[in-house]
């Protein structure tokens, strides 16, 4: 049964300055995502974080520096989740193990992206960056999008034998990720159409079931095609 992926566990002891810095990053992530960078004032961020407005300049230098810190927080959060779900690029794998790894990665993606409350603010922030790219998007792309997609392509190659950097593999992996992302960006439509009040662990498990069925059908089709090709 799928469980929402918990956020990162904070260190047991943090200084007041570190707590303030973390609160400002989370406040910026939330408000920039909801209102946009230009539509959010530093005063609003400080109020949301329950911090002195001067602490923004102290910790980040500027509002722009705070945006970069919010992007770095997204990178760190997703890198941790992706690392657990996909594993290092050097990890040896049989086709069977790679297929299991893809299923586990898909389940982990649903647990975080669909069911985790923190993911909502991350996705909102990223969607704004995708609509109006800034240096923050460069950080997120280099730290999360490109390496995670590349690693999934490598696992796909291990599972199917199809070249990791082929156009077909890249598009296939985007398709796998996209079906999960929709349940976050189209959340309100999904709730209304499904008659759900929320997307919690039980609902996420149903999404996982359908998504993994789709994945297994794709893998099965590749396996059957390879078997057929081998008989020629």
Protein backbone atom coordinates (compact mmCIF):
# COMPACT_ATOMS: atom_id res chain seq x y z
CA UNK A 1 0.00 0.00 0.00
CA UNK A 2 1.40 3.37 -0.99
CA UNK A 3 2.10 5.89 1.73
CA UNK A 4 2.72 9.59 1.20
CA UNK A 5 6.44 10.30 1.20
CA UNK A 6 7.33 12.24 4.34
CA UNK A 7 9.33 15.43 4.11
CA UNK A 8 12.95 15.52 5.10
CA UNK A 9 13.63 14.97 8.77
CA UNK A 10 15.12 18.12 10.30
CA UNK A 11 18.29 17.91 12.32
CA UNK A 12 17.77 17.40 16.03
CA UNK A 13 19.38 20.73 16.90
CA UNK A 14 19.23 23.88 14.83
CA UNK A 15 20.16 27.40 15.79
CA UNK A 16 17.56 30.18 15.78
CA UNK A 17 19.27 31.62 12.71
CA UNK A 18 18.99 28.30 10.85
CA UNK A 19 15.33 28.01 11.85
CA UNK A 20 14.65 31.50 10.55
CA UNK A 21 16.43 30.78 7.29
CA UNK A 22 14.44 27.58 6.77
CA UNK A 23 11.15 29.32 7.59
CA UNK A 24 11.92 32.07 5.04
CA UNK A 25 12.69 29.51 2.32
CA UNK A 26 9.43 27.65 2.92
CA UNK A 27 7.46 30.89 3.05
CA UNK A 28 9.01 32.06 -0.23
CA UNK A 29 8.33 28.71 -1.87
CA UNK A 30 4.68 28.93 -0.86
CA UNK A 31 4.08 32.58 -1.76
CA UNK A 32 6.10 32.66 -4.97
CA UNK A 33 4.18 29.62 -6.13
CA UNK A 34 0.79 31.11 -5.28
CA UNK A 35 1.31 34.75 -6.18
CA UNK A 36 4.36 34.83 -8.40
CA UNK A 37 7.71 36.47 -7.71
CA UNK A 38 6.63 39.99 -8.69
CA UNK A 39 3.33 39.63 -6.87
CA UNK A 40 4.97 38.79 -3.56
CA UNK A 41 6.61 41.36 -1.31
CA UNK A 42 9.46 40.69 1.09
CA UNK A 43 7.19 41.99 3.84
CA UNK A 44 4.65 39.24 3.06
CA UNK A 45 7.36 36.60 3.10
CA UNK A 46 8.70 37.78 6.44
CA UNK A 47 5.18 37.81 7.90
CA UNK A 48 4.49 34.29 6.63
CA UNK A 49 7.77 33.09 8.14
CA UNK A 50 7.18 35.07 11.36
CA UNK A 51 10.58 36.66 10.86
CA UNK A 52 12.05 40.15 10.81
CA UNK A 53 12.06 41.57 7.28
CA UNK A 54 15.75 42.40 7.65
CA UNK A 55 16.52 38.68 7.97
CA UNK A 56 15.90 38.23 4.23
CA UNK A 57 18.82 40.49 3.35
CA UNK A 58 20.92 38.96 6.12
CA UNK A 59 20.47 35.35 4.98
CA UNK A 60 19.97 35.71 1.22
CA UNK A 61 21.18 39.15 0.21
CA UNK A 62 18.00 39.94 -1.69
CA UNK A 63 14.60 38.69 -2.75
CA UNK A 64 16.27 37.17 -5.81
CA UNK A 65 18.68 35.32 -3.55
CA UNK A 66 15.71 33.95 -1.63
CA UNK A 67 14.18 32.69 -4.87
CA UNK A 68 17.44 30.86 -5.64
CA UNK A 69 17.38 29.33 -2.14
CA UNK A 70 13.81 28.13 -2.71
CA UNK A 71 14.94 26.50 -5.97
CA UNK A 72 17.82 24.82 -4.13
CA UNK A 73 15.38 23.51 -1.52
CA UNK A 74 13.34 21.90 -4.31
CA UNK A 75 16.49 20.32 -5.75
CA UNK A 76 17.58 18.91 -2.38
CA UNK A 77 14.12 17.55 -1.59
CA UNK A 78 13.57 15.79 -4.91
CA UNK A 79 17.16 14.55 -5.16
CA UNK A 80 16.69 12.74 -1.86
CA UNK A 81 13.46 11.11 -3.03
CA UNK A 82 14.81 10.23 -6.48
CA UNK A 83 17.98 8.78 -4.98
CA UNK A 84 15.98 6.41 -2.81
CA UNK A 85 13.63 5.40 -5.62
CA UNK A 86 15.99 5.05 -8.59
CA UNK A 87 19.41 4.37 -7.10
CA UNK A 88 22.84 5.36 -8.42
CA UNK A 89 23.70 5.17 -12.10
CA UNK A 90 26.46 2.67 -11.40
CA UNK A 91 24.10 0.13 -9.82
CA UNK A 92 24.20 -3.13 -11.82
CA UNK A 93 20.82 -4.44 -12.83
CA UNK A 94 19.23 -7.34 -14.65
CA UNK A 95 16.20 -6.58 -16.86
CA UNK A 96 13.93 -8.00 -14.16
CA UNK A 97 15.52 -5.87 -11.43
CA UNK A 98 15.35 -2.79 -13.67
CA UNK A 99 11.64 -3.36 -14.31
CA UNK A 100 11.05 -3.66 -10.57
CA UNK A 101 13.07 -0.47 -10.10
CA UNK A 102 10.82 1.39 -12.55
CA UNK A 103 7.71 0.23 -10.70
CA UNK A 104 9.23 1.31 -7.37
CA UNK A 105 10.18 4.70 -8.82
CA UNK A 106 6.66 5.22 -10.15
CA UNK A 107 5.19 4.33 -6.77
CA UNK A 108 7.55 6.73 -5.03
CA UNK A 109 6.68 9.52 -7.47
CA UNK A 110 2.98 9.09 -6.77
CA UNK A 111 3.58 8.99 -3.03
CA UNK A 112 5.35 12.34 -3.13
CA UNK A 113 3.91 14.27 -6.08
CA UNK A 114 0.29 13.19 -5.68
CA UNK A 115 -0.14 12.59 -1.97
CA UNK A 116 2.40 14.84 -0.21
CA UNK A 117 1.15 18.30 0.80
CA UNK A 118 4.66 19.74 0.32
CA UNK A 119 4.59 18.72 -3.34
CA UNK A 120 1.72 21.10 -4.05
CA UNK A 121 3.84 24.14 -3.23
CA UNK A 122 6.83 22.74 -5.11
CA UNK A 123 4.78 22.06 -8.24
CA UNK A 124 3.19 25.53 -8.14
CA UNK A 125 6.63 27.13 -7.89
CA UNK A 126 8.01 25.01 -10.74
CA UNK A 127 5.01 25.65 -12.99
CA UNK A 128 5.52 29.40 -12.65
CA UNK A 129 9.18 28.97 -13.50
CA UNK A 130 8.31 26.87 -16.55
CA UNK A 131 5.92 29.59 -17.73
CA UNK A 132 8.40 32.42 -17.14
CA UNK A 133 11.90 30.89 -16.90
CA UNK A 134 14.50 32.52 -14.67
CA UNK A 135 17.84 31.45 -13.23
CA UNK A 136 15.85 29.49 -10.62
CA UNK A 137 14.57 27.17 -13.35
CA UNK A 138 18.16 26.65 -14.53
CA UNK A 139 19.04 25.42 -11.03
CA UNK A 140 16.03 23.10 -10.87
CA UNK A 141 16.61 21.74 -14.38
CA UNK A 142 20.31 21.06 -13.76
CA UNK A 143 19.74 19.64 -10.28
CA UNK A 144 16.54 17.65 -10.79
CA UNK A 145 14.93 17.50 -14.22
CA UNK A 146 17.89 16.51 -16.36
CA UNK A 147 19.67 14.05 -14.01
CA UNK A 148 16.45 12.34 -12.86
CA UNK A 149 15.14 11.97 -16.40
CA UNK A 150 18.54 10.71 -17.58
CA UNK A 151 18.70 8.15 -14.78
CA UNK A 152 15.19 6.88 -15.54
CA UNK A 153 16.19 6.54 -19.19
CA UNK A 154 19.17 4.43 -18.10
CA UNK A 155 16.91 2.16 -16.05
CA UNK A 156 14.55 1.90 -19.03
CA UNK A 157 17.48 0.74 -21.18
CA UNK A 158 18.39 -1.87 -18.58
CA UNK A 159 14.77 -3.05 -18.52
CA UNK A 160 14.14 -3.13 -22.27
CA UNK A 161 17.43 -2.92 -24.13
CA UNK A 162 16.31 0.28 -25.87
CA UNK A 163 19.07 2.94 -25.93
CA UNK A 164 18.81 5.33 -22.99
CA UNK A 165 19.50 8.43 -25.06
CA UNK A 166 17.24 7.56 -27.98
CA UNK A 167 14.40 9.90 -28.80
CA UNK A 168 11.85 7.15 -28.19
CA UNK A 169 13.18 6.37 -24.71
CA UNK A 170 13.28 10.03 -23.69
CA UNK A 171 9.67 10.52 -24.81
CA UNK A 172 8.57 7.32 -23.09
CA UNK A 173 10.05 8.46 -19.78
CA UNK A 174 8.41 11.89 -20.14
CA UNK A 175 5.12 10.04 -20.65
CA UNK A 176 5.63 7.98 -17.48
CA UNK A 177 6.37 11.12 -15.45
CA UNK A 178 3.58 13.11 -17.06
CA UNK A 179 0.83 10.69 -16.08
CA UNK A 180 1.83 11.18 -12.44
CA UNK A 181 2.21 14.96 -12.65
CA UNK A 182 -1.33 15.35 -14.00
CA UNK A 183 -2.80 14.14 -10.73
CA UNK A 184 -1.18 17.15 -9.05
CA UNK A 185 -1.71 19.91 -11.60
CA UNK A 186 -5.20 18.62 -12.42
CA UNK A 187 -5.97 17.80 -8.79
CA UNK A 188 -9.24 19.74 -8.53
CA UNK A 189 -10.61 18.18 -11.71
CA UNK A 190 -9.61 14.71 -10.51
CA UNK A 191 -11.28 15.22 -7.13
CA UNK A 192 -14.52 16.38 -8.73
CA UNK A 193 -14.65 13.68 -11.39
CA UNK A 194 -13.72 10.87 -8.98
CA UNK A 195 -15.97 12.14 -6.20
CA UNK A 196 -13.03 12.16 -3.78
CA UNK A 197 -12.69 14.61 -0.92
CA UNK A 198 -8.92 14.29 -0.90
CA UNK A 199 -6.05 12.35 -2.41
CA UNK A 200 -4.56 10.57 0.55
CA UNK A 201 -2.86 7.20 0.93
CA UNK A 202 -5.90 5.16 -0.20
CA UNK A 203 -6.51 7.29 -3.30
CA UNK A 204 -2.80 7.38 -4.12
CA UNK A 205 -2.73 3.57 -4.01
CA UNK A 206 -5.43 3.50 -6.70
CA UNK A 207 -3.40 5.90 -8.85
CA UNK A 208 -0.33 3.68 -8.37
CA UNK A 209 -2.33 0.61 -9.42
CA UNK A 210 -3.37 2.18 -12.73
CA UNK A 211 0.02 3.80 -13.40
CA UNK A 212 1.92 0.56 -12.77
CA UNK A 213 -0.54 -1.37 -14.95
CA UNK A 214 0.26 1.11 -17.73
CA UNK A 215 3.98 0.67 -17.14
CA UNK A 216 3.77 -3.12 -17.09
CA UNK A 217 1.75 -3.09 -20.32
CA UNK A 218 4.45 -0.98 -21.97
CA UNK A 219 7.21 -3.26 -20.70
CA UNK A 220 5.25 -6.33 -21.75
CA UNK A 221 4.83 -4.95 -25.27
CA UNK A 222 8.59 -4.29 -25.50
CA UNK A 223 9.39 -7.79 -24.26
CA UNK A 224 7.00 -9.40 -26.73
CA UNK A 225 8.43 -7.34 -29.60
CA UNK A 226 11.99 -8.33 -28.65
CA UNK A 227 11.00 -11.99 -28.47
CA UNK A 228 9.36 -11.79 -31.88
CA UNK A 229 12.40 -10.07 -33.33
CA UNK A 230 14.65 -12.77 -31.91
CA UNK A 231 12.75 -15.49 -33.74
CA UNK A 232 13.36 -13.94 -37.15
